[in-house]
Amino acid sequence: MNKDEITEKVKAIVVEVTGIKAEKLDIDANFIDDLGIESVMAVGIVSKVEKEFKEDIPADRFGDLDSVASIVDVICDLVAA
């Protein structure tokens, strides 16, 4: 799976969990500061991403997961490993 495919899947998860329209979702926007996503929603996003990609995101990387782009980067790292 390439980075574009991973990005589209992560975006779809964010849209599903938050209700933000896909066309308004900037992959570099900060979940909390720019999109107003609450921490509970962010946890839901991460949980769905882990299930979708069948990867466990290490707890020490959670603090880095503040945008679609950051989640994509972590998933790409895990898939490549």
C-alpha atoms as a PDB file:
ATOM      1  CA  MET A   1       0.000   0.000   0.000  1.00  0.00           C
ATOM      2  CA  ASN A   2       1.456   3.377  -0.969  1.00  0.00           C
ATOM      3  CA  LYS A   3       1.384   6.672   0.922  1.00  0.00           C
ATOM      4  CA  ASP A   4      -1.503   8.091  -1.148  1.00  0.00           C
ATOM      5  CA  GLU A   5      -3.673   5.066  -0.385  1.00  0.00           C
ATOM      6  CA  ILE A   6      -2.832   5.285   3.316  1.00  0.00           C
ATOM      7  CA  THR A   7      -3.640   9.012   3.285  1.00  0.00           C
ATOM      8  CA  GLU A   8      -7.058   8.406   1.719  1.00  0.00           C
ATOM      9  CA  LYS A   9      -7.904   5.702   4.266  1.00  0.00           C
ATOM     10  CA  VAL A  10      -6.834   7.891   7.198  1.00  0.00           C
ATOM     11  CA  LYS A  11      -8.810  10.839   5.813  1.00  0.00           C
ATOM     12  CA  ALA A  12     -11.889   8.611   5.496  1.00  0.00           C
ATOM     13  CA  ILE A  13     -11.530   7.556   9.128  1.00  0.00           C
ATOM     14  CA  VAL A  14     -11.204  11.179  10.294  1.00  0.00           C
ATOM     15  CA  VAL A  15     -14.295  12.132   8.271  1.00  0.00           C
ATOM     16  CA  GLU A  16     -16.240   9.186   9.725  1.00  0.00           C
ATOM     17  CA  VAL A  17     -15.285   9.913  13.337  1.00  0.00           C
ATOM     18  CA  THR A  18     -15.578  13.711  13.242  1.00  0.00           C
ATOM     19  CA  GLY A  19     -18.155  14.486  10.578  1.00  0.00           C
ATOM     20  CA  ILE A  20     -15.779  16.981   8.933  1.00  0.00           C
ATOM     21  CA  LYS A  21     -16.394  17.133   5.175  1.00  0.00           C
ATOM     22  CA  ALA A  22     -13.607  15.431   3.225  1.00  0.00           C
ATOM     23  CA  GLU A  23     -13.140  18.390   0.893  1.00  0.00           C
ATOM     24  CA  LYS A  24     -12.533  20.678   3.890  1.00  0.00           C
ATOM     25  CA  LEU A  25     -10.025  18.364   5.558  1.00  0.00           C
ATOM     26  CA  ASP A  26      -6.473  19.666   5.194  1.00  0.00           C
ATOM     27  CA  ILE A  27      -4.109  16.803   5.983  1.00  0.00           C
ATOM     28  CA  ASP A  28      -1.688  19.178   7.720  1.00  0.00           C
ATOM     29  CA  ALA A  29      -4.336  20.818   9.932  1.00  0.00           C
ATOM     30  CA  ASN A  30      -3.828  20.253  13.653  1.00  0.00           C
ATOM     31  CA  PHE A  31      -6.669  18.165  15.073  1.00  0.00           C
ATOM     32  CA  ILE A  32      -7.194  20.300  18.172  1.00  0.00           C
ATOM     33  CA  ASP A  33      -6.029  23.796  17.190  1.00  0.00           C
ATOM     34  CA  ASP A  34      -7.296  23.919  13.603  1.00  0.00           C
ATOM     35  CA  LEU A  35     -10.133  21.401  13.465  1.00  0.00           C
ATOM     36  CA  GLY A  36     -11.487  21.575  17.009  1.00  0.00           C
ATOM     37  CA  ILE A  37     -11.325  17.804  17.461  1.00  0.00           C
ATOM     38  CA  GLU A  38     -11.606  16.811  21.108  1.00  0.00           C
ATOM     39  CA  SER A  39      -9.108  14.401  22.632  1.00  0.00           C
ATOM     40  CA  VAL A  40     -11.754  11.666  22.911  1.00  0.00           C
ATOM     41  CA  MET A  41     -12.343  11.886  19.147  1.00  0.00           C
ATOM     42  CA  ALA A  42      -8.592  11.811  18.534  1.00  0.00           C
ATOM     43  CA  VAL A  43      -8.355   8.571  20.522  1.00  0.00           C
ATOM     44  CA  GLY A  44     -11.220   7.173  18.442  1.00  0.00           C
ATOM     45  CA  ILE A  45      -9.382   8.107  15.250  1.00  0.00           C
ATOM     46  CA  VAL A  46      -6.197   6.383  16.402  1.00  0.00           C
ATOM     47  CA  SER A  47      -8.138   3.280  17.461  1.00  0.00           C
ATOM     48  CA  LYS A  48      -9.860   3.000  14.073  1.00  0.00           C
ATOM     49  CA  VAL A  49      -6.556   3.573  12.261  1.00  0.00           C
ATOM     50  CA  GLU A  50      -4.927   0.760  14.244  1.00  0.00           C
ATOM     51  CA  LYS A  51      -7.795  -1.591  13.354  1.00  0.00           C
ATOM     52  CA  GLU A  52      -7.839  -0.581   9.683  1.00  0.00           C
ATOM     53  CA  PHE A  53      -4.121  -1.106   9.185  1.00  0.00           C
ATOM     54  CA  LYS A  54      -3.757  -3.956  11.702  1.00  0.00           C
ATOM     55  CA  GLU A  55      -0.885  -2.095  13.340  1.00  0.00           C
ATOM     56  CA  ASP A  56      -0.359  -1.090  16.960  1.00  0.00           C
ATOM     57  CA  ILE A  57       0.895   2.444  17.206  1.00  0.00           C
ATOM     58  CA  PRO A  58       3.479   2.594  20.008  1.00  0.00           C
ATOM     59  CA  ALA A  59       2.361   4.687  22.986  1.00  0.00           C
ATOM     60  CA  ASP A  60       5.457   6.869  22.728  1.00  0.00           C
ATOM     61  CA  ARG A  61       4.274   8.010  19.268  1.00  0.00           C
ATOM     62  CA  PHE A  62       0.787   9.101  20.409  1.00  0.00           C
ATOM     63  CA  GLY A  63       1.955  12.633  21.177  1.00  0.00           C
ATOM     64  CA  ASP A  64       3.035  13.000  17.557  1.00  0.00           C
ATOM     65  CA  LEU A  65      -0.411  12.181  16.171  1.00  0.00           C
ATOM     66  CA  ASP A  66      -1.862  15.657  15.772  1.00  0.00           C
ATOM     67  CA  SER A  67      -2.896  15.637  12.094  1.00  0.00           C
ATOM     68  CA  VAL A  68      -3.786  13.318   9.239  1.00  0.00           C
ATOM     69  CA  ALA A  69      -0.268  13.770   7.865  1.00  0.00           C
ATOM     70  CA  SER A  70       1.352  12.750  11.158  1.00  0.00           C
ATOM     71  CA  ILE A  71      -0.776   9.590  11.382  1.00  0.00           C
ATOM     72  CA  VAL A  72       0.086   8.740   7.776  1.00  0.00           C
ATOM     73  CA  ASP A  73       3.801   9.127   8.527  1.00  0.00           C
ATOM     74  CA  VAL A  74       3.586   6.782  11.517  1.00  0.00           C
ATOM     75  CA  ILE A  75       1.584   4.180   9.594  1.00  0.00           C
ATOM     76  CA  CYS A  76       4.030   4.344   6.679  1.00  0.00           C
ATOM     77  CA  ASP A  77       6.888   3.746   9.129  1.00  0.00           C
ATOM     78  CA  LEU A  78       5.089   0.765  10.693  1.00  0.00           C
ATOM     79  CA  VAL A  79       4.067  -0.793   7.379  1.00  0.00           C
ATOM     80  CA  ALA A  80       7.604  -0.443   6.012  1.00  0.00           C
ATOM     81  CA  ALA A  81       9.160  -2.089   9.081  1.00  0.00           C
END
